[in-house]
Amino acid sequence: MKTKAFLSTRCLCAAMTGFLMLTAVSCGQKDNGTGLVSVKYSQLPQGEDLMLSELVGEPEFIVLDSDTAVAYTPMAWINVSDNYISTYSIAPRTPLKLFDRSTGKFLRTYGAIGRGPGEFLQISSVQIDEAGGRIWMRTYPDINQLHAYDIATGEMEDVPLAYSTDDGSWLDYSFSVDGRERNITVAVLPEDNGCPALAWCQDYEGNVLWEIPRTYSLPEDNRVVLETDRNVPGMLDVFRSSTNTMQDTAYLVGRGKIHPLFTVSFGQTEQSGSGYKDDNYKYSGMVLPDYVVMNVSKQGKSVIKEGVLHINVESLPGVILDRRTGEVYLGELVNDLVDGSFAEEFKDGCLVVRSDAVSFMENGRTALESGSLSDAARARISEILSVLSEEDNDVLMIAPLNK
């Protein structure tokens, strides 16, 4: 799962938010009067799994273009908008690829990998801004600016962040662009990195429209990243992901305020410099309009094979917060539409499930036999299976979050 990114008259609000994020872990479930719910993982009750059919509308099934080799992106990260799909890889020196959402047809690449404008080593976060006609990228090593590519021409503009960090980290901030209002909301990790704000909103020229001052600092921790999926309209959703080096988890940023949502304690936290240890908790998650969903795992024995470190991971029960009631329980997000597997990712207001061709041949047949799809969706799956080959590109299932 996974992206990232933060009026001076609100110093008191920011200070209280910082205090809550650092200290609010109770023996059981607790709402601190700010909407923040804090729990201990070991004390959570088992609840009912959350079914995808309760959250999303009619799904689309899209086969990405297989006519050209450049259209393939192994283990792709996906972003969507009303009319486009983009794919990128975290592998170094690979461009972003754009597809037509209605047909899956490959359109073009963005990011001229080589010397000169558009050069970058790695993509870490993407937003397709149809309203503004641009694709926005956070890349490495350009950590204190965003690349904005014109969708039609591919021309690139560098947009500097209003605030930067001394040395920076490409995983230490999250962003969300409002193309209609021509502004960018940014959230950063509150580390001693030279950045004076926890969060801010700026225009494309770098002028700050509002900011939330940093009133506290956390120790530098290279095992903590900010994840942003842009699933809450009008807000920047942020999930702090770590290997149990801190308890902060989910919050929203918008309109000059930080809204802390959810923290979970897994017991004694680890030192950030202690490395990856056996039996250490790992977690990540996503913020949805009505829920926060957390995936939890525990690191098992680590072994080195042929000079490469392999980390075994044991999946543990996930955590679900119902934001409407404040109820928290153990449970999973289940893809009852297709095959009953655990759902993976929501991005840009949509469920996005990626399957390679071979996997879809199996999953698609399961969906026809036991899934809860509409007749139209079943007909589309049957159509795809009738012509799909093992060498074809990925098949995407995209379904919008209910409004």
Protein backbone atom coordinates (compact mmCIF):
# COMPACT_ATOMS: atom_id res chain seq x y z
CA MET A 1 0.00 0.00 0.00
CA LYS A 2 1.24 2.86 -0.75
CA THR A 3 2.75 7.65 -1.29
CA LYS A 4 3.56 10.61 0.94
CA ALA A 5 3.60 14.37 2.03
CA PHE A 6 2.12 19.37 5.35
CA LEU A 7 -2.11 29.53 9.86
CA SER A 8 0.44 30.38 12.05
CA THR A 9 -2.55 31.45 14.19
CA ARG A 10 -3.12 27.77 14.90
CA CYS A 11 -0.01 27.19 16.98
CA LEU A 12 -2.04 25.97 19.94
CA CYS A 13 -3.88 23.45 17.76
CA ALA A 14 -0.59 22.21 16.34
CA ALA A 15 0.95 21.90 19.79
CA MET A 16 -1.99 19.89 21.08
CA THR A 17 -1.86 17.67 17.99
CA GLY A 18 1.82 17.02 18.55
CA PHE A 19 1.24 16.18 22.20
CA LEU A 20 -1.58 13.77 21.35
CA MET A 21 0.42 12.01 18.68
CA LEU A 22 3.31 11.49 21.03
CA THR A 23 1.42 10.43 24.15
CA ALA A 24 -2.06 9.17 23.34
CA VAL A 25 -1.92 5.42 23.85
CA SER A 26 -4.42 4.06 26.34
CA CYS A 27 -4.99 0.68 27.94
CA GLY A 28 -7.99 0.16 25.70
CA GLN A 29 -9.97 2.15 23.21
CA LYS A 30 -10.03 5.87 23.85
CA ASP A 31 -11.23 8.99 22.06
CA ASN A 32 -9.24 11.97 23.31
CA GLY A 33 -11.96 14.47 22.39
CA THR A 34 -10.26 15.36 19.12
CA GLY A 35 -11.41 12.41 17.06
CA LEU A 36 -8.19 10.55 17.87
CA VAL A 37 -8.73 6.90 18.84
CA SER A 38 -5.90 5.05 20.61
CA VAL A 39 -5.78 1.32 21.32
CA LYS A 40 -3.52 -1.54 22.34
CA TYR A 41 -3.27 -4.25 19.72
CA SER A 42 -3.22 -7.05 22.31
CA GLN A 43 -6.58 -5.93 23.75
CA LEU A 44 -8.57 -5.59 20.53
CA PRO A 45 -11.59 -7.87 20.08
CA GLN A 46 -12.14 -9.95 16.97
CA GLY A 47 -14.73 -8.36 14.72
CA GLU A 48 -16.35 -9.06 11.39
CA ASP A 49 -14.32 -8.67 8.22
CA LEU A 50 -15.13 -5.70 6.02
CA MET A 51 -16.48 -6.72 2.61
CA LEU A 52 -15.46 -4.82 -0.51
CA SER A 53 -19.01 -5.01 -1.83
CA GLU A 54 -20.02 -2.68 1.03
CA LEU A 55 -17.46 -0.05 0.04
CA VAL A 56 -17.26 0.18 -3.74
CA GLY A 57 -19.43 0.54 -6.79
CA GLU A 58 -19.45 -1.39 -10.06
CA PRO A 59 -15.93 -2.59 -10.94
CA GLU A 60 -14.18 -2.21 -14.28
CA PHE A 61 -11.82 -4.88 -15.64
CA ILE A 62 -9.12 -3.44 -17.89
CA VAL A 63 -6.39 -5.31 -19.75
CA LEU A 64 -3.36 -3.07 -20.21
CA ASP A 65 -1.92 -2.80 -23.70
CA SER A 66 0.25 -5.77 -24.71
CA ASP A 67 1.20 -4.52 -28.20
CA THR A 68 4.49 -2.91 -27.20
CA ALA A 69 7.17 -4.05 -24.77
CA VAL A 70 7.49 -0.59 -23.21
CA ALA A 71 3.92 -0.85 -21.88
CA TYR A 72 4.89 -3.62 -19.45
CA THR A 73 5.81 -2.69 -15.86
CA PRO A 74 6.57 -5.70 -13.63
CA MET A 75 5.20 -5.30 -10.09
CA ALA A 76 3.70 -1.96 -11.07
CA TRP A 77 2.44 0.75 -8.76
CA ILE A 78 -0.87 2.07 -10.07
CA ASN A 79 -2.56 5.48 -10.04
CA VAL A 80 -5.90 6.31 -11.63
CA SER A 81 -8.01 9.30 -12.65
CA ASP A 82 -11.30 9.59 -14.51
CA ASN A 83 -9.74 8.91 -17.91
CA TYR A 84 -6.20 7.66 -17.27
CA ILE A 85 -4.19 4.91 -15.61
CA SER A 86 -0.50 5.32 -14.82
CA THR A 87 2.02 2.65 -13.87
CA TYR A 88 5.53 2.94 -12.51
CA SER A 89 8.14 0.79 -10.89
CA ILE A 90 10.35 1.50 -7.90
CA ALA A 91 13.18 0.01 -9.94
CA PRO A 92 15.79 2.67 -10.80
CA ARG A 93 15.66 4.62 -14.05
CA THR A 94 12.22 3.58 -15.27
CA PRO A 95 9.74 6.14 -16.64
CA LEU A 96 6.08 6.50 -15.78
CA LYS A 97 3.68 4.96 -18.32
CA LEU A 98 0.21 6.31 -19.14
CA PHE A 99 -2.79 4.35 -20.43
CA ASP A 100 -6.32 5.17 -21.52
CA ARG A 101 -8.60 3.99 -18.70
CA SER A 102 -11.52 3.00 -20.93
CA THR A 103 -9.49 0.82 -23.32
CA GLY A 104 -6.17 0.06 -21.61
CA LYS A 105 -4.35 1.46 -24.66
CA PHE A 106 -0.78 2.58 -23.98
CA LEU A 107 -0.37 6.32 -24.62
CA ARG A 108 3.19 7.40 -23.75
CA THR A 109 5.93 7.59 -21.12
CA TYR A 110 6.91 10.51 -18.90
CA GLY A 111 10.35 11.16 -17.54
CA ALA A 112 13.12 11.10 -20.13
CA ILE A 113 15.57 8.82 -18.43
CA GLY A 114 18.99 10.06 -19.44
CA ARG A 115 20.84 13.34 -19.40
CA GLY A 116 18.99 16.62 -19.26
CA PRO A 117 15.46 17.68 -18.24
CA GLY A 118 13.31 14.93 -16.83
CA GLU A 119 16.24 13.02 -15.38
CA PHE A 120 15.59 11.16 -12.15
CA LEU A 121 16.71 7.91 -10.59
CA GLN A 122 13.50 6.63 -9.03
CA ILE A 123 9.79 7.48 -8.72
CA SER A 124 8.21 7.28 -5.28
CA SER A 125 4.78 8.93 -5.58
CA VAL A 126 2.46 10.01 -8.42
CA GLN A 127 -0.77 11.97 -8.80
CA ILE A 128 -2.66 12.37 -12.08
CA ASP A 129 -4.24 15.83 -12.04
CA GLU A 130 -6.71 15.88 -14.93
CA ALA A 131 -8.20 19.21 -13.84
CA GLY A 132 -4.82 20.87 -14.24
CA GLY A 133 -3.70 18.72 -17.16
CA ARG A 134 -0.58 17.46 -15.39
CA ILE A 135 1.03 14.40 -13.87
CA TRP A 136 2.88 15.14 -10.65
CA MET A 137 5.82 13.03 -9.45
CA ARG A 138 7.92 12.88 -6.34
CA THR A 139 11.27 11.47 -7.41
CA TYR A 140 14.73 10.72 -6.14
CA PRO A 141 17.11 12.52 -5.88
CA ASP A 142 14.94 15.63 -6.42
CA ILE A 143 13.60 15.50 -2.88
CA ASN A 144 12.80 19.19 -2.38
CA GLN A 145 10.79 19.70 -5.55
CA LEU A 146 8.07 18.01 -7.58
CA HIS A 147 8.14 17.23 -11.29
CA ALA A 148 4.98 18.32 -13.12
CA TYR A 149 4.52 16.83 -16.61
CA ASP A 150 2.00 18.21 -19.09
CA ILE A 151 -0.26 15.26 -19.95
CA ALA A 152 -0.64 16.29 -23.60
CA THR A 153 2.91 17.36 -24.48
CA GLY A 154 5.08 15.62 -21.89
CA GLU A 155 6.85 18.91 -21.12
CA MET A 156 8.15 19.09 -17.56
CA GLU A 157 8.22 21.88 -15.00
CA ASP A 158 10.06 21.71 -11.69
CA VAL A 159 7.92 23.02 -8.83
CA PRO A 160 10.00 23.71 -5.69
CA LEU A 161 8.55 23.01 -2.27
CA ALA A 162 8.13 26.13 -0.14
CA TYR A 163 10.08 24.48 2.67
CA SER A 164 12.86 21.96 2.42
CA THR A 165 14.91 19.81 4.74
CA ASP A 166 18.64 20.07 5.36
CA ASP A 167 19.51 16.74 3.80
CA GLY A 168 16.03 15.54 2.94
CA SER A 169 14.48 12.17 2.40
CA TRP A 170 12.29 11.24 -0.51
CA LEU A 171 10.06 9.20 1.82
CA ASP A 172 9.76 11.88 4.51
CA TYR A 173 6.94 13.90 2.95
CA SER A 174 3.57 13.41 1.28
CA PHE A 175 1.74 15.70 -1.13
CA SER A 176 -1.63 16.27 -2.75
CA VAL A 177 -2.34 18.64 -5.65
CA ASP A 178 -5.58 20.56 -6.23
CA GLY A 179 -5.45 21.36 -9.93
CA ARG A 180 -8.55 23.55 -9.90
CA GLU A 181 -7.26 25.77 -7.09
CA ARG A 182 -3.63 25.43 -8.26
CA ASN A 183 -2.23 24.57 -4.85
CA ILE A 184 -0.26 21.78 -3.19
CA THR A 185 -0.69 20.46 0.36
CA VAL A 186 2.44 18.93 1.87
CA ALA A 187 3.01 16.99 5.11
CA VAL A 188 6.43 16.09 6.50
CA LEU A 189 7.87 13.99 9.29
CA PRO A 190 8.56 16.18 12.35
CA GLU A 191 12.27 15.44 12.57
CA ASP A 192 15.18 17.78 13.28
CA ASN A 193 15.70 18.34 9.57
CA GLY A 194 15.55 22.11 9.21
CA CYS A 195 11.91 22.23 8.09
CA PRO A 196 9.95 24.72 10.25
CA ALA A 197 6.49 23.30 9.49
CA LEU A 198 4.62 20.06 10.05
CA ALA A 199 2.38 20.84 7.10
CA TRP A 200 1.59 23.61 4.68
CA CYS A 201 -0.32 24.56 1.56
CA GLN A 202 1.46 26.45 -1.21
CA ASP A 203 0.79 27.68 -4.72
CA TYR A 204 2.81 26.53 -7.72
CA GLU A 205 5.19 29.48 -7.31
CA GLY A 206 6.12 28.40 -3.79
CA ASN A 207 4.10 30.99 -1.87
CA VAL A 208 2.76 29.59 1.42
CA LEU A 209 -1.03 29.90 1.73
CA TRP A 210 -1.23 28.42 5.24
CA GLU A 211 1.10 26.46 7.47
CA ILE A 212 1.15 24.47 10.68
CA PRO A 213 4.36 25.22 12.59
CA ARG A 214 6.46 22.38 13.93
CA THR A 215 6.21 22.54 17.72
CA TYR A 216 7.91 19.24 18.53
CA SER A 217 10.46 16.89 16.99
CA LEU A 218 10.91 13.14 16.78
CA PRO A 219 14.30 11.43 16.53
CA GLU A 220 15.42 10.81 12.97
CA ASP A 221 14.20 7.36 11.95
CA ASN A 222 14.96 5.92 8.53
CA ARG A 223 12.48 3.08 9.14
CA VAL A 224 9.47 5.43 9.14
CA VAL A 225 7.82 6.54 5.91
CA LEU A 226 4.70 8.53 5.11
CA GLU A 227 2.09 6.82 2.96
CA THR A 228 -0.60 8.77 1.10
CA ASP A 229 -3.33 7.30 -1.10
CA ARG A 230 -5.60 10.35 -1.65
CA ASN A 231 -8.84 8.59 -0.82
CA VAL A 232 -10.48 11.32 1.30
CA PRO A 233 -11.89 14.18 -0.82
CA GLY A 234 -10.45 17.59 0.02
CA MET A 235 -7.90 16.23 2.50
CA LEU A 236 -4.37 14.87 2.47
CA ASP A 237 -4.48 11.43 4.10
CA VAL A 238 -1.29 10.36 5.84
CA PHE A 239 -0.34 7.01 7.34
CA ARG A 240 2.95 6.71 9.20
CA SER A 241 4.38 3.29 8.49
CA SER A 242 7.24 1.76 10.47
CA THR A 243 8.61 -1.42 11.95
CA ASN A 244 7.28 -0.51 15.40
CA THR A 245 9.71 2.33 16.02
CA MET A 246 6.82 4.70 16.78
CA GLN A 247 3.10 4.48 17.50
CA ASP A 248 1.80 7.27 15.29
CA THR A 249 -0.34 5.95 12.48
CA ALA A 250 -3.08 7.85 10.67
CA TYR A 251 -4.14 11.48 10.33
CA LEU A 252 -5.66 13.95 7.87
CA VAL A 253 -4.32 17.35 6.80
CA GLY A 254 -6.42 20.13 5.33
CA ARG A 255 -7.74 23.67 5.68
CA GLY A 256 -4.94 24.68 8.00
CA LYS A 257 -5.41 21.86 10.50
CA ILE A 258 -4.10 18.39 11.31
CA HIS A 259 -6.79 15.89 12.30
CA PRO A 260 -5.23 12.91 14.18
CA LEU A 261 -7.33 9.78 13.68
CA PHE A 262 -5.76 6.62 15.03
CA THR A 263 -2.83 5.21 16.98
CA VAL A 264 -2.11 1.58 17.89
CA SER A 265 0.35 0.38 20.51
CA PHE A 266 2.13 -2.94 19.89
CA GLY A 267 3.96 -2.86 23.19
CA GLN A 268 7.55 -1.76 23.59
CA THR A 269 8.74 0.14 20.54
CA GLU A 270 12.09 -0.63 18.94
CA GLN A 271 15.04 1.71 18.68
CA SER A 272 15.24 3.20 15.21
CA GLY A 273 18.90 2.27 14.88
CA SER A 274 18.53 -1.31 16.08
CA GLY A 275 18.02 -2.80 12.62
CA TYR A 276 15.41 -5.35 11.60
CA LYS A 277 14.88 -7.86 14.40
CA ASP A 278 13.01 -11.13 14.69
CA ASP A 279 9.52 -10.87 16.24
CA ASN A 280 9.28 -7.14 15.51
CA TYR A 281 5.91 -5.80 14.37
CA LYS A 282 5.50 -4.22 10.96
CA TYR A 283 2.45 -2.26 9.94
CA SER A 284 1.05 -0.10 7.18
CA GLY A 285 -2.40 1.01 6.24
CA MET A 286 -4.73 3.40 4.51
CA VAL A 287 -7.28 6.06 5.39
CA LEU A 288 -10.70 5.78 3.74
CA PRO A 289 -13.66 8.17 4.09
CA ASP A 290 -15.36 5.97 6.72
CA TYR A 291 -12.58 3.62 7.86
CA VAL A 292 -8.91 3.27 8.67
CA VAL A 293 -7.56 -0.15 7.70
CA MET A 294 -4.22 -1.39 9.02
CA ASN A 295 -2.23 -4.39 7.81
CA VAL A 296 -0.11 -6.02 10.53
CA SER A 297 2.68 -8.56 10.31
CA LYS A 298 5.54 -9.86 12.41
CA GLN A 299 9.04 -10.34 11.21
CA GLY A 300 10.29 -13.89 11.43
CA LYS A 301 13.74 -15.35 11.10
CA SER A 302 16.05 -13.53 8.72
CA VAL A 303 18.55 -15.45 6.62
CA ILE A 304 21.21 -14.48 4.14
CA LYS A 305 21.25 -16.44 0.89
CA GLU A 306 23.91 -15.76 -1.71
CA GLY A 307 24.71 -12.45 -0.06
CA VAL A 308 21.07 -11.26 -0.02
CA LEU A 309 19.09 -10.73 3.19
CA HIS A 310 15.74 -12.54 3.12
CA ILE A 311 13.19 -11.53 5.78
CA ASN A 312 10.38 -13.96 6.53
CA VAL A 313 7.11 -12.25 7.44
CA GLU A 314 4.14 -13.71 9.33
CA SER A 315 0.78 -12.08 8.62
CA LEU A 316 -1.25 -11.18 11.71
CA PRO A 317 -4.88 -10.06 12.04
CA GLY A 318 -5.42 -6.60 10.64
CA VAL A 319 -7.04 -3.67 12.43
CA ILE A 320 -10.14 -1.78 11.33
CA LEU A 321 -11.33 1.55 12.73
CA ASP A 322 -14.88 2.56 11.89
CA ARG A 323 -14.50 6.35 11.77
CA ARG A 324 -18.26 6.85 12.07
CA THR A 325 -18.58 5.10 15.43
CA GLY A 326 -15.02 5.01 16.81
CA GLU A 327 -15.20 1.21 17.07
CA VAL A 328 -11.88 -0.63 16.60
CA TYR A 329 -11.50 -4.37 16.11
CA LEU A 330 -9.40 -7.08 14.49
CA GLY A 331 -10.50 -7.82 10.95
CA GLU A 332 -9.57 -7.85 7.28
CA LEU A 333 -10.75 -6.11 4.14
CA VAL A 334 -12.00 -9.00 2.00
CA ASN A 335 -12.47 -9.06 -1.77
CA ASP A 336 -15.81 -10.86 -1.78
CA LEU A 337 -16.46 -9.54 -5.29
CA VAL A 338 -13.88 -11.86 -6.84
CA ASP A 339 -12.19 -14.59 -4.82
CA GLY A 340 -12.40 -13.88 -1.10
CA SER A 341 -8.77 -12.82 -0.87
CA PHE A 342 -7.65 -9.91 1.27
CA ALA A 343 -8.04 -6.65 -0.65
CA GLU A 344 -4.79 -4.86 -1.27
CA GLU A 345 -5.00 -1.20 -2.16
CA PHE A 346 -7.17 1.85 -2.56
CA LYS A 347 -5.72 4.70 -4.61
CA ASP A 348 -7.16 8.01 -5.76
CA GLY A 349 -10.63 7.16 -4.50
CA CYS A 350 -10.74 3.72 -6.12
CA LEU A 351 -10.04 0.12 -5.27
CA VAL A 352 -7.16 -0.99 -7.48
CA VAL A 353 -6.34 -4.70 -7.82
CA ARG A 354 -3.52 -5.65 -10.19
CA SER A 355 -3.13 -9.21 -11.50
CA ASP A 356 -0.66 -10.55 -14.00
CA ALA A 357 -2.21 -12.50 -16.85
CA VAL A 358 -1.53 -15.94 -15.36
CA SER A 359 -3.01 -14.99 -11.99
CA PHE A 360 -6.09 -13.45 -13.60
CA MET A 361 -6.76 -16.67 -15.48
CA GLU A 362 -7.20 -18.35 -12.09
CA ASN A 363 -8.80 -15.44 -10.21
CA GLY A 364 -11.17 -14.65 -13.04
CA ARG A 365 -12.50 -18.21 -13.14
CA THR A 366 -12.95 -18.14 -9.36
CA ALA A 367 -14.92 -14.91 -9.67
CA LEU A 368 -17.24 -16.49 -12.22
CA GLU A 369 -17.82 -19.47 -9.94
CA SER A 370 -18.17 -17.88 -6.52
CA GLY A 371 -17.79 -14.10 -6.66
CA SER A 372 -20.61 -11.60 -6.07
CA LEU A 373 -20.21 -9.63 -9.29
CA SER A 374 -22.95 -8.21 -11.48
CA ASP A 375 -23.93 -9.90 -14.73
CA ALA A 376 -22.14 -7.15 -16.67
CA ALA A 377 -18.89 -7.67 -14.74
CA ARG A 378 -19.11 -11.44 -15.22
CA ALA A 379 -19.60 -10.95 -18.94
CA ARG A 380 -16.52 -8.71 -19.07
CA ILE A 381 -14.40 -11.28 -17.22
CA SER A 382 -15.57 -14.02 -19.60
CA GLU A 383 -14.68 -11.80 -22.55
CA ILE A 384 -11.17 -11.20 -21.18
CA LEU A 385 -10.56 -14.88 -20.39
CA SER A 386 -11.58 -15.91 -23.90
CA VAL A 387 -8.64 -14.04 -25.46
CA LEU A 388 -6.10 -13.66 -22.63
CA SER A 389 -2.71 -15.36 -22.99
CA GLU A 390 0.00 -15.92 -20.41
CA GLU A 391 2.23 -13.37 -22.16
CA ASP A 392 -0.30 -10.54 -21.98
CA ASN A 393 0.04 -7.46 -19.81
CA ASP A 394 -1.56 -6.96 -16.39
CA VAL A 395 -5.32 -6.97 -15.82
CA LEU A 396 -6.67 -4.31 -13.48
CA MET A 397 -9.84 -4.32 -11.42
CA ILE A 398 -10.84 -0.73 -10.61
CA ALA A 399 -13.91 0.12 -8.53
CA PRO A 400 -14.84 3.57 -7.17
CA LEU A 401 -15.38 4.13 -3.47
CA ASN A 402 -19.05 4.70 -2.68
CA LYS A 403 -19.90 8.33 -2.00
